């Protein structure tokens, strides 16, 4: 497969946590792109904002106009039930695939999740696996990226963990291990794949390069270090996490970060990437050390006034 240079990208999820970083990085590389948005955005050189959503066929048609590569980043990370995850992740992916095929855009890079490895654990993981199946059956020149837990400046999902760490106690799932990745490292991988046809047909599981991942306790202590606090990292039984999810739902409603669905996959003991699925070093390697990245994230939270 031969791609033109420079590339023009179509990006879904360009206003979200990962998408914003990708858009910024692509602009810094003087790439041109079409990006989907639900609301007006600031004018950015090289970016054509397309008003609409994944369930708007006309918007997706406009998104695909004169592009070479699709970066499908948009997805639902929190929903009240399986139907919500299905609509946002599976049906949304199918709509983007169909739009790409209709426009004759064959190169498709899909952002999945490590949770897709264990679809039986959660509705979220089930929906991400279903989206992968749609992409693999699409006939497009696809690459699938399964990131582990993503953190970095601009993220709100790990904010509660940082706030707890500042109080000196971190409540964590039961004994287990996880991999993590900083958002700019992930963004670099996506853009690298866009330029690299050898990644077609690959499923990559990127991480921060720490062999064997992090134990929950070691990661909790690293977050404590980032907020200048020596923390007590406490493993929390599944039953208590479920109670916490119900309380969070009552207090924050749809904005709750701890949900029953999340508890189901948080408690899985092995969210470490498969080393055999790491991207080849010739394509990409992580550049952000995790402690440095966590410190920068904490600094960003402070700048926003989120850590008090």
C-alpha atoms as a PDB file:
ATOM      1  CA  UNK A   1       0.000   0.000   0.000  1.00  0.00           C
ATOM      2  CA  UNK A   2       1.349   3.420  -0.977  1.00  0.00           C
ATOM      3  CA  UNK A   3       0.228   6.557   0.871  1.00  0.00           C
ATOM      4  CA  UNK A   4       0.710  10.144  -0.285  1.00  0.00           C
ATOM      5  CA  UNK A   5       2.948  12.588   1.564  1.00  0.00           C
ATOM      6  CA  UNK A   6       1.884  14.657   3.388  1.00  0.00           C
ATOM      7  CA  UNK A   7      -1.145  12.764   4.655  1.00  0.00           C
ATOM      8  CA  UNK A   8      -4.543  14.206   5.361  1.00  0.00           C
ATOM      9  CA  UNK A   9      -6.242  12.568   8.327  1.00  0.00           C
ATOM     10  CA  UNK A  10      -9.837  12.066   9.398  1.00  0.00           C
ATOM     11  CA  UNK A  11     -10.112  12.003  13.188  1.00  0.00           C
ATOM     12  CA  UNK A  12     -13.052  11.029  15.359  1.00  0.00           C
ATOM     13  CA  UNK A  13     -12.868  11.928  19.039  1.00  0.00           C
ATOM     14  CA  UNK A  14     -10.648  14.912  18.269  1.00  0.00           C
ATOM     15  CA  UNK A  15     -12.122  16.941  21.135  1.00  0.00           C
ATOM     16  CA  UNK A  16     -11.550  14.253  23.771  1.00  0.00           C
ATOM     17  CA  UNK A  17      -8.561  13.572  25.996  1.00  0.00           C
ATOM     18  CA  UNK A  18      -6.558  11.448  23.542  1.00  0.00           C
ATOM     19  CA  UNK A  19      -7.917  13.168  20.447  1.00  0.00           C
ATOM     20  CA  UNK A  20      -6.861  16.649  21.535  1.00  0.00           C
ATOM     21  CA  UNK A  21      -3.310  15.443  21.970  1.00  0.00           C
ATOM     22  CA  UNK A  22      -3.330  13.781  18.539  1.00  0.00           C
ATOM     23  CA  UNK A  23      -4.735  16.913  16.877  1.00  0.00           C
ATOM     24  CA  UNK A  24      -2.136  19.122  18.562  1.00  0.00           C
ATOM     25  CA  UNK A  25       0.706  16.795  17.608  1.00  0.00           C
ATOM     26  CA  UNK A  26      -0.515  16.457  14.023  1.00  0.00           C
ATOM     27  CA  UNK A  27      -0.703  20.249  13.710  1.00  0.00           C
ATOM     28  CA  UNK A  28       2.831  20.556  15.084  1.00  0.00           C
ATOM     29  CA  UNK A  29       3.919  18.205  12.284  1.00  0.00           C
ATOM     30  CA  UNK A  30       2.095  20.466   9.794  1.00  0.00           C
ATOM     31  CA  UNK A  31      -0.349  17.731   8.845  1.00  0.00           C
ATOM     32  CA  UNK A  32      -3.832  18.553   7.602  1.00  0.00           C
ATOM     33  CA  UNK A  33      -6.885  16.898   9.050  1.00  0.00           C
ATOM     34  CA  UNK A  34     -10.653  16.767   9.250  1.00  0.00           C
ATOM     35  CA  UNK A  35     -11.936  16.370  12.808  1.00  0.00           C
ATOM     36  CA  UNK A  36     -15.445  15.633  14.013  1.00  0.00           C
ATOM     37  CA  UNK A  37     -16.972  17.858  16.698  1.00  0.00           C
ATOM     38  CA  UNK A  38     -20.338  18.323  18.390  1.00  0.00           C
ATOM     39  CA  UNK A  39     -19.719  21.979  19.273  1.00  0.00           C
ATOM     40  CA  UNK A  40     -17.879  24.976  17.830  1.00  0.00           C
ATOM     41  CA  UNK A  41     -14.087  24.842  18.178  1.00  0.00           C
ATOM     42  CA  UNK A  42     -11.314  27.406  17.982  1.00  0.00           C
ATOM     43  CA  UNK A  43      -9.802  27.888  14.543  1.00  0.00           C
ATOM     44  CA  UNK A  44      -6.624  25.857  14.258  1.00  0.00           C
ATOM     45  CA  UNK A  45      -4.335  25.999  11.207  1.00  0.00           C
ATOM     46  CA  UNK A  46      -4.543  22.748   9.260  1.00  0.00           C
ATOM     47  CA  UNK A  47      -7.733  21.545  10.985  1.00  0.00           C
ATOM     48  CA  UNK A  48     -11.131  21.477   9.304  1.00  0.00           C
ATOM     49  CA  UNK A  49     -13.774  20.960  11.961  1.00  0.00           C
ATOM     50  CA  UNK A  50     -16.763  18.904  10.804  1.00  0.00           C
ATOM     51  CA  UNK A  51     -19.914  19.484  12.820  1.00  0.00           C
ATOM     52  CA  UNK A  52     -21.766  16.325  13.771  1.00  0.00           C
ATOM     53  CA  UNK A  53     -21.498  12.964  15.504  1.00  0.00           C
ATOM     54  CA  UNK A  54     -20.992   9.284  14.771  1.00  0.00           C
ATOM     55  CA  UNK A  55     -24.706   8.762  14.149  1.00  0.00           C
ATOM     56  CA  UNK A  56     -24.888  11.538  11.516  1.00  0.00           C
ATOM     57  CA  UNK A  57     -24.231  10.051   8.081  1.00  0.00           C
ATOM     58  CA  UNK A  58     -23.777  13.444   6.421  1.00  0.00           C
ATOM     59  CA  UNK A  59     -21.200  14.470   9.019  1.00  0.00           C
ATOM     60  CA  UNK A  60     -19.221  11.288   8.504  1.00  0.00           C
ATOM     61  CA  UNK A  61     -19.353  11.758   4.752  1.00  0.00           C
ATOM     62  CA  UNK A  62     -17.868  15.243   5.178  1.00  0.00           C
ATOM     63  CA  UNK A  63     -15.265  13.887   7.574  1.00  0.00           C
ATOM     64  CA  UNK A  64     -13.977  11.492   4.909  1.00  0.00           C
ATOM     65  CA  UNK A  65     -13.650  14.115   2.176  1.00  0.00           C
ATOM     66  CA  UNK A  66     -10.210  14.018   0.538  1.00  0.00           C
ATOM     67  CA  UNK A  67      -8.497  12.137   3.385  1.00  0.00           C
ATOM     68  CA  UNK A  68      -5.936   9.348   3.257  1.00  0.00           C
ATOM     69  CA  UNK A  69      -6.146   7.789   6.725  1.00  0.00           C
ATOM     70  CA  UNK A  70      -8.882   7.466   9.353  1.00  0.00           C
ATOM     71  CA  UNK A  71      -7.970   7.626  13.052  1.00  0.00           C
ATOM     72  CA  UNK A  72     -11.020   6.351  14.895  1.00  0.00           C
ATOM     73  CA  UNK A  73     -10.445   7.513  18.470  1.00  0.00           C
ATOM     74  CA  UNK A  74     -13.993   8.312  19.588  1.00  0.00           C
ATOM     75  CA  UNK A  75     -15.608   5.963  22.057  1.00  0.00           C
ATOM     76  CA  UNK A  76     -17.726   5.678  25.162  1.00  0.00           C
ATOM     77  CA  UNK A  77     -15.897   4.897  28.419  1.00  0.00           C
ATOM     78  CA  UNK A  78     -18.904   5.202  30.710  1.00  0.00           C
ATOM     79  CA  UNK A  79     -22.537   4.285  30.040  1.00  0.00           C
ATOM     80  CA  UNK A  80     -25.510   3.212  32.175  1.00  0.00           C
ATOM     81  CA  UNK A  81     -25.934  -0.157  30.438  1.00  0.00           C
ATOM     82  CA  UNK A  82     -24.757  -2.421  27.608  1.00  0.00           C
ATOM     83  CA  UNK A  83     -26.987  -0.626  25.128  1.00  0.00           C
ATOM     84  CA  UNK A  84     -25.132   2.615  25.771  1.00  0.00           C
ATOM     85  CA  UNK A  85     -21.744   1.002  25.211  1.00  0.00           C
ATOM     86  CA  UNK A  86     -23.038  -0.796  22.114  1.00  0.00           C
ATOM     87  CA  UNK A  87     -24.296   2.461  20.605  1.00  0.00           C
ATOM     88  CA  UNK A  88     -21.132   4.434  21.334  1.00  0.00           C
ATOM     89  CA  UNK A  89     -18.479   1.813  20.607  1.00  0.00           C
ATOM     90  CA  UNK A  90     -19.868  -0.903  18.329  1.00  0.00           C
ATOM     91  CA  UNK A  91     -22.502   0.960  16.309  1.00  0.00           C
ATOM     92  CA  UNK A  92     -20.333   4.072  16.208  1.00  0.00           C
ATOM     93  CA  UNK A  93     -17.412   2.099  14.816  1.00  0.00           C
ATOM     94  CA  UNK A  94     -19.626   0.447  12.212  1.00  0.00           C
ATOM     95  CA  UNK A  95     -20.831   3.875  11.049  1.00  0.00           C
ATOM     96  CA  UNK A  96     -17.264   5.163  10.664  1.00  0.00           C
ATOM     97  CA  UNK A  97     -16.199   1.996   8.814  1.00  0.00           C
ATOM     98  CA  UNK A  98     -19.110   2.332   6.398  1.00  0.00           C
ATOM     99  CA  UNK A  99     -18.329   6.007   5.781  1.00  0.00           C
ATOM    100  CA  UNK A 100     -14.675   5.206   5.072  1.00  0.00           C
ATOM    101  CA  UNK A 101     -15.603   2.469   2.633  1.00  0.00           C
ATOM    102  CA  UNK A 102     -18.143   4.674   0.876  1.00  0.00           C
ATOM    103  CA  UNK A 103     -15.483   7.392   0.451  1.00  0.00           C
ATOM    104  CA  UNK A 104     -12.868   4.934  -0.774  1.00  0.00           C
ATOM    105  CA  UNK A 105     -10.570   5.528   2.221  1.00  0.00           C
ATOM    106  CA  UNK A 106      -8.881   2.207   2.883  1.00  0.00           C
ATOM    107  CA  UNK A 107      -6.422   2.974   5.706  1.00  0.00           C
ATOM    108  CA  UNK A 108      -8.116   2.700   9.109  1.00  0.00           C
ATOM    109  CA  UNK A 109      -6.488   2.943  12.532  1.00  0.00           C
ATOM    110  CA  UNK A 110      -8.776   1.954  15.366  1.00  0.00           C
ATOM    111  CA  UNK A 111      -8.275   2.760  19.047  1.00  0.00           C
ATOM    112  CA  UNK A 112      -9.572  -0.104  21.133  1.00  0.00           C
ATOM    113  CA  UNK A 113      -8.747  -0.975  24.742  1.00  0.00           C
ATOM    114  CA  UNK A 114      -6.888  -3.670  26.631  1.00  0.00           C
ATOM    115  CA  UNK A 115     -10.305  -4.529  28.094  1.00  0.00           C
ATOM    116  CA  UNK A 116     -11.225  -6.062  24.705  1.00  0.00           C
ATOM    117  CA  UNK A 117      -9.051  -9.055  25.663  1.00  0.00           C
ATOM    118  CA  UNK A 118     -11.571  -9.990  28.383  1.00  0.00           C
ATOM    119  CA  UNK A 119     -14.998  -9.121  26.907  1.00  0.00           C
ATOM    120  CA  UNK A 120     -16.819 -11.298  29.432  1.00  0.00           C
ATOM    121  CA  UNK A 121     -15.810  -9.073  32.342  1.00  0.00           C
ATOM    122  CA  UNK A 122     -17.677  -5.893  31.473  1.00  0.00           C
ATOM    123  CA  UNK A 123     -20.082  -4.297  29.030  1.00  0.00           C
ATOM    124  CA  UNK A 124     -17.326  -1.846  28.138  1.00  0.00           C
ATOM    125  CA  UNK A 125     -14.892  -4.634  27.249  1.00  0.00           C
ATOM    126  CA  UNK A 126     -17.617  -6.475  25.327  1.00  0.00           C
ATOM    127  CA  UNK A 127     -18.349  -3.373  23.242  1.00  0.00           C
ATOM    128  CA  UNK A 128     -14.671  -2.768  22.496  1.00  0.00           C
ATOM    129  CA  UNK A 129     -14.215  -6.382  21.363  1.00  0.00           C
ATOM    130  CA  UNK A 130     -17.305  -6.081  19.161  1.00  0.00           C
ATOM    131  CA  UNK A 131     -15.861  -2.912  17.615  1.00  0.00           C
ATOM    132  CA  UNK A 132     -12.609  -4.759  16.894  1.00  0.00           C
ATOM    133  CA  UNK A 133     -14.532  -7.517  15.156  1.00  0.00           C
ATOM    134  CA  UNK A 134     -16.284  -4.945  12.981  1.00  0.00           C
ATOM    135  CA  UNK A 135     -12.965  -3.397  11.984  1.00  0.00           C
ATOM    136  CA  UNK A 136     -11.317  -6.742  11.246  1.00  0.00           C
ATOM    137  CA  UNK A 137     -14.255  -7.766   9.025  1.00  0.00           C
ATOM    138  CA  UNK A 138     -14.372  -4.410   7.227  1.00  0.00           C
ATOM    139  CA  UNK A 139     -12.071  -5.204   4.334  1.00  0.00           C
ATOM    140  CA  UNK A 140     -10.105  -2.049   5.149  1.00  0.00           C
ATOM    141  CA  UNK A 141      -6.354  -1.824   5.735  1.00  0.00           C
ATOM    142  CA  UNK A 142      -6.691  -1.705   9.500  1.00  0.00           C
ATOM    143  CA  UNK A 143      -4.450  -1.428  12.515  1.00  0.00           C
ATOM    144  CA  UNK A 144      -5.862  -1.895  16.015  1.00  0.00           C
ATOM    145  CA  UNK A 145      -4.277  -0.254  19.048  1.00  0.00           C
ATOM    146  CA  UNK A 146      -5.173  -1.601  22.500  1.00  0.00           C
ATOM    147  CA  UNK A 147      -3.857   0.915  25.019  1.00  0.00           C
ATOM    148  CA  UNK A 148      -3.823   0.074  28.729  1.00  0.00           C
ATOM    149  CA  UNK A 149      -4.730   2.758  31.295  1.00  0.00           C
ATOM    150  CA  UNK A 150      -4.017   6.170  29.749  1.00  0.00           C
ATOM    151  CA  UNK A 151      -2.982   9.152  31.847  1.00  0.00           C
ATOM    152  CA  UNK A 152      -1.536  12.597  31.298  1.00  0.00           C
ATOM    153  CA  UNK A 153      -2.342  16.312  31.295  1.00  0.00           C
ATOM    154  CA  UNK A 154      -5.948  16.809  30.230  1.00  0.00           C
ATOM    155  CA  UNK A 155      -7.206  13.564  31.738  1.00  0.00           C
ATOM    156  CA  UNK A 156     -10.080  13.524  34.206  1.00  0.00           C
ATOM    157  CA  UNK A 157     -10.460   9.769  34.689  1.00  0.00           C
ATOM    158  CA  UNK A 158      -7.530   9.449  37.129  1.00  0.00           C
ATOM    159  CA  UNK A 159      -8.210  12.701  38.968  1.00  0.00           C
ATOM    160  CA  UNK A 160      -9.901  10.966  41.894  1.00  0.00           C
ATOM    161  CA  UNK A 161      -6.840   8.751  42.362  1.00  0.00           C
ATOM    162  CA  UNK A 162      -4.559  11.809  42.546  1.00  0.00           C
ATOM    163  CA  UNK A 163      -6.910  13.516  44.989  1.00  0.00           C
ATOM    164  CA  UNK A 164      -6.889  10.482  47.264  1.00  0.00           C
ATOM    165  CA  UNK A 165      -3.107  10.304  47.052  1.00  0.00           C
ATOM    166  CA  UNK A 166      -2.842  13.904  48.193  1.00  0.00           C
ATOM    167  CA  UNK A 167      -4.749  12.864  51.322  1.00  0.00           C
ATOM    168  CA  UNK A 168      -2.199  10.126  51.954  1.00  0.00           C
ATOM    169  CA  UNK A 169      -4.359   7.091  51.177  1.00  0.00           C
ATOM    170  CA  UNK A 170      -4.956   5.375  47.843  1.00  0.00           C
ATOM    171  CA  UNK A 171      -7.787   2.839  47.552  1.00  0.00           C
ATOM    172  CA  UNK A 172      -6.990   0.292  44.857  1.00  0.00           C
ATOM    173  CA  UNK A 173      -8.543  -2.871  43.420  1.00  0.00           C
ATOM    174  CA  UNK A 174      -7.547  -6.226  44.927  1.00  0.00           C
ATOM    175  CA  UNK A 175      -4.119  -7.696  44.237  1.00  0.00           C
ATOM    176  CA  UNK A 176      -3.098  -7.447  40.602  1.00  0.00           C
ATOM    177  CA  UNK A 177      -0.933  -5.732  38.013  1.00  0.00           C
ATOM    178  CA  UNK A 178      -1.495  -3.209  35.230  1.00  0.00           C
ATOM    179  CA  UNK A 179       0.261  -1.469  32.389  1.00  0.00           C
ATOM    180  CA  UNK A 180      -0.051   2.244  31.701  1.00  0.00           C
ATOM    181  CA  UNK A 181       0.800   4.726  28.958  1.00  0.00           C
ATOM    182  CA  UNK A 182       1.153   8.502  28.840  1.00  0.00           C
ATOM    183  CA  UNK A 183      -1.138  10.221  26.356  1.00  0.00           C
ATOM    184  CA  UNK A 184       1.540  11.857  24.214  1.00  0.00           C
ATOM    185  CA  UNK A 185       3.299   8.512  23.775  1.00  0.00           C
ATOM    186  CA  UNK A 186       0.022   7.018  22.569  1.00  0.00           C
ATOM    187  CA  UNK A 187      -0.549   9.935  20.195  1.00  0.00           C
ATOM    188  CA  UNK A 188       2.914   9.457  18.686  1.00  0.00           C
ATOM    189  CA  UNK A 189       2.114   5.802  18.028  1.00  0.00           C
ATOM    190  CA  UNK A 190      -1.120   6.642  16.237  1.00  0.00           C
ATOM    191  CA  UNK A 191       0.603   9.096  13.926  1.00  0.00           C
ATOM    192  CA  UNK A 192       3.487   6.692  13.351  1.00  0.00           C
ATOM    193  CA  UNK A 193       1.036   3.984  12.267  1.00  0.00           C
ATOM    194  CA  UNK A 194      -0.671   6.441   9.932  1.00  0.00           C
ATOM    195  CA  UNK A 195       2.629   6.758   8.049  1.00  0.00           C
ATOM    196  CA  UNK A 196       3.621   3.088   8.223  1.00  0.00           C
ATOM    197  CA  UNK A 197       1.890   0.556   5.955  1.00  0.00           C
ATOM    198  CA  UNK A 198       3.804  -2.320   7.582  1.00  0.00           C
ATOM    199  CA  UNK A 199       1.480  -1.997  10.582  1.00  0.00           C
ATOM    200  CA  UNK A 200      -1.546  -3.016   8.516  1.00  0.00           C
ATOM    201  CA  UNK A 201      -3.250  -6.047  10.061  1.00  0.00           C
ATOM    202  CA  UNK A 202      -1.448  -5.639  13.393  1.00  0.00           C
ATOM    203  CA  UNK A 203      -2.941  -5.482  16.877  1.00  0.00           C
ATOM    204  CA  UNK A 204      -0.597  -3.480  19.083  1.00  0.00           C
ATOM    205  CA  UNK A 205      -0.554  -3.253  22.875  1.00  0.00           C
ATOM    206  CA  UNK A 206       1.693  -0.306  23.781  1.00  0.00           C
ATOM    207  CA  UNK A 207       2.816   0.685  27.264  1.00  0.00           C
ATOM    208  CA  UNK A 208       5.433   2.686  29.162  1.00  0.00           C
ATOM    209  CA  UNK A 209       8.081   0.006  28.649  1.00  0.00           C
ATOM    210  CA  UNK A 210       8.033  -1.316  32.223  1.00  0.00           C
ATOM    211  CA  UNK A 211       8.459  -5.072  31.959  1.00  0.00           C
ATOM    212  CA  UNK A 212       5.729  -6.933  33.825  1.00  0.00           C
ATOM    213  CA  UNK A 213       3.772  -3.740  34.388  1.00  0.00           C
ATOM    214  CA  UNK A 214       3.073  -2.198  37.777  1.00  0.00           C
ATOM    215  CA  UNK A 215       1.557  -3.776  40.843  1.00  0.00           C
ATOM    216  CA  UNK A 216      -1.445  -1.797  42.054  1.00  0.00           C
ATOM    217  CA  UNK A 217       0.491  -0.818  45.156  1.00  0.00           C
ATOM    218  CA  UNK A 218       3.596   0.322  43.292  1.00  0.00           C
ATOM    219  CA  UNK A 219       1.480   2.423  40.952  1.00  0.00           C
ATOM    220  CA  UNK A 220      -0.387   3.939  43.903  1.00  0.00           C
ATOM    221  CA  UNK A 221       2.935   4.872  45.523  1.00  0.00           C
ATOM    222  CA  UNK A 222       4.108   6.428  42.234  1.00  0.00           C
ATOM    223  CA  UNK A 223       1.003   8.612  42.151  1.00  0.00           C
ATOM    224  CA  UNK A 224       1.741   9.596  45.752  1.00  0.00           C
ATOM    225  CA  UNK A 225       5.269  10.567  44.760  1.00  0.00           C
ATOM    226  CA  UNK A 226       3.813  12.732  41.976  1.00  0.00           C
ATOM    227  CA  UNK A 227       1.781  14.734  44.506  1.00  0.00           C
ATOM    228  CA  UNK A 228       4.667  14.834  47.029  1.00  0.00           C
ATOM    229  CA  UNK A 229       2.923  12.523  49.455  1.00  0.00           C
ATOM    230  CA  UNK A 230       3.949   9.250  51.026  1.00  0.00           C
ATOM    231  CA  UNK A 231       0.782   7.211  50.642  1.00  0.00           C
ATOM    232  CA  UNK A 232      -0.706   4.086  52.115  1.00  0.00           C
ATOM    233  CA  UNK A 233      -1.923   1.975  49.194  1.00  0.00           C
ATOM    234  CA  UNK A 234      -4.825  -0.176  50.337  1.00  0.00           C
ATOM    235  CA  UNK A 235      -6.225  -3.063  48.271  1.00  0.00           C
ATOM    236  CA  UNK A 236     -10.014  -2.861  48.416  1.00  0.00           C
ATOM    237  CA  UNK A 237     -12.231  -5.977  48.308  1.00  0.00           C
ATOM    238  CA  UNK A 238     -14.569  -6.249  45.336  1.00  0.00           C
ATOM    239  CA  UNK A 239     -17.649  -6.062  47.592  1.00  0.00           C
ATOM    240  CA  UNK A 240     -16.537  -2.696  48.989  1.00  0.00           C
ATOM    241  CA  UNK A 241     -15.802  -1.388  45.500  1.00  0.00           C
ATOM    242  CA  UNK A 242     -19.347  -2.303  44.451  1.00  0.00           C
ATOM    243  CA  UNK A 243     -20.696  -0.400  47.465  1.00  0.00           C
ATOM    244  CA  UNK A 244     -18.485   2.526  46.490  1.00  0.00           C
ATOM    245  CA  UNK A 245     -19.857   2.387  42.938  1.00  0.00           C
ATOM    246  CA  UNK A 246     -23.424   2.629  44.219  1.00  0.00           C
ATOM    247  CA  UNK A 247     -22.505   5.580  46.440  1.00  0.00           C
ATOM    248  CA  UNK A 248     -20.676   7.326  43.585  1.00  0.00           C
ATOM    249  CA  UNK A 249     -23.719   6.803  41.375  1.00  0.00           C
ATOM    250  CA  UNK A 250     -25.990   8.372  43.988  1.00  0.00           C
ATOM    251  CA  UNK A 251     -23.674  11.340  44.513  1.00  0.00           C
ATOM    252  CA  UNK A 252     -22.550  12.085  40.965  1.00  0.00           C
ATOM    253  CA  UNK A 253     -25.169  10.372  38.822  1.00  0.00           C
ATOM    254  CA  UNK A 254     -24.069  10.114  35.181  1.00  0.00           C
ATOM    255  CA  UNK A 255     -20.759  11.780  36.105  1.00  0.00           C
ATOM    256  CA  UNK A 256     -19.764   8.947  38.445  1.00  0.00           C
ATOM    257  CA  UNK A 257     -16.271   7.613  37.760  1.00  0.00           C
ATOM    258  CA  UNK A 258     -16.627   4.392  39.727  1.00  0.00           C
ATOM    259  CA  UNK A 259     -19.393   2.257  38.237  1.00  0.00           C
ATOM    260  CA  UNK A 260     -20.404  -1.366  38.674  1.00  0.00           C
ATOM    261  CA  UNK A 261     -19.178  -2.094  35.146  1.00  0.00           C
ATOM    262  CA  UNK A 262     -15.784  -0.585  35.930  1.00  0.00           C
ATOM    263  CA  UNK A 263     -15.496  -2.528  39.177  1.00  0.00           C
ATOM    264  CA  UNK A 264     -15.957  -5.729  37.166  1.00  0.00           C
ATOM    265  CA  UNK A 265     -12.867  -5.133  35.068  1.00  0.00           C
ATOM    266  CA  UNK A 266     -10.833  -3.195  37.643  1.00  0.00           C
ATOM    267  CA  UNK A 267     -10.804  -6.353  39.764  1.00  0.00           C
ATOM    268  CA  UNK A 268      -9.285  -8.515  37.038  1.00  0.00           C
ATOM    269  CA  UNK A 269      -5.752  -9.357  38.272  1.00  0.00           C
ATOM    270  CA  UNK A 270      -3.896  -8.991  34.962  1.00  0.00           C
ATOM    271  CA  UNK A 271      -4.127  -5.818  32.889  1.00  0.00           C
ATOM    272  CA  UNK A 272      -0.520  -6.050  31.717  1.00  0.00           C
ATOM    273  CA  UNK A 273       0.103  -5.756  27.991  1.00  0.00           C
ATOM    274  CA  UNK A 274       1.303  -8.769  26.011  1.00  0.00           C
ATOM    275  CA  UNK A 275       5.001  -8.095  25.252  1.00  0.00           C
ATOM    276  CA  UNK A 276       4.610  -9.998  21.970  1.00  0.00           C
ATOM    277  CA  UNK A 277       2.104  -7.356  20.865  1.00  0.00           C
ATOM    278  CA  UNK A 278       4.273  -4.340  21.642  1.00  0.00           C
ATOM    279  CA  UNK A 279       4.811  -2.190  18.545  1.00  0.00           C
ATOM    280  CA  UNK A 280       8.187  -2.913  16.920  1.00  0.00           C
ATOM    281  CA  UNK A 281      10.946  -0.633  18.178  1.00  0.00           C
ATOM    282  CA  UNK A 282      11.631   0.480  14.621  1.00  0.00           C
ATOM    283  CA  UNK A 283       8.123   1.977  14.543  1.00  0.00           C
ATOM    284  CA  UNK A 284       7.717   3.374  18.051  1.00  0.00           C
ATOM    285  CA  UNK A 285       9.082   3.372  21.576  1.00  0.00           C
ATOM    286  CA  UNK A 286       7.750   5.154  24.680  1.00  0.00           C
ATOM    287  CA  UNK A 287       9.547   8.383  25.497  1.00  0.00           C
ATOM    288  CA  UNK A 288       7.812   9.522  28.691  1.00  0.00           C
ATOM    289  CA  UNK A 289       9.068   8.002  31.924  1.00  0.00           C
ATOM    290  CA  UNK A 290       6.081   7.186  34.093  1.00  0.00           C
ATOM    291  CA  UNK A 291       7.183   9.054  37.200  1.00  0.00           C
ATOM    292  CA  UNK A 292       7.951  12.118  35.085  1.00  0.00           C
ATOM    293  CA  UNK A 293       4.601  11.792  33.337  1.00  0.00           C
ATOM    294  CA  UNK A 294       2.698  11.423  36.599  1.00  0.00           C
ATOM    295  CA  UNK A 295       4.439  14.493  38.031  1.00  0.00           C
ATOM    296  CA  UNK A 296       3.515  16.540  34.939  1.00  0.00           C
ATOM    297  CA  UNK A 297      -0.067  15.320  35.238  1.00  0.00           C
ATOM    298  CA  UNK A 298      -0.231  16.361  38.887  1.00  0.00           C
ATOM    299  CA  UNK A 299       1.207  19.765  37.970  1.00  0.00           C
ATOM    300  CA  UNK A 300      -1.470  20.173  35.309  1.00  0.00           C
ATOM    301  CA  UNK A 301      -4.209  19.294  37.828  1.00  0.00           C
ATOM    302  CA  UNK A 302      -2.817  21.957  40.163  1.00  0.00           C
ATOM    303  CA  UNK A 303      -2.830  24.541  37.374  1.00  0.00           C
ATOM    304  CA  UNK A 304      -6.514  23.812  36.815  1.00  0.00           C
ATOM    305  CA  UNK A 305      -7.199  24.134  40.549  1.00  0.00           C
ATOM    306  CA  UNK A 306      -8.337  20.520  40.703  1.00  0.00           C
ATOM    307  CA  UNK A 307      -6.003  19.356  43.461  1.00  0.00           C
ATOM    308  CA  UNK A 308      -6.825  22.180  45.853  1.00  0.00           C
END
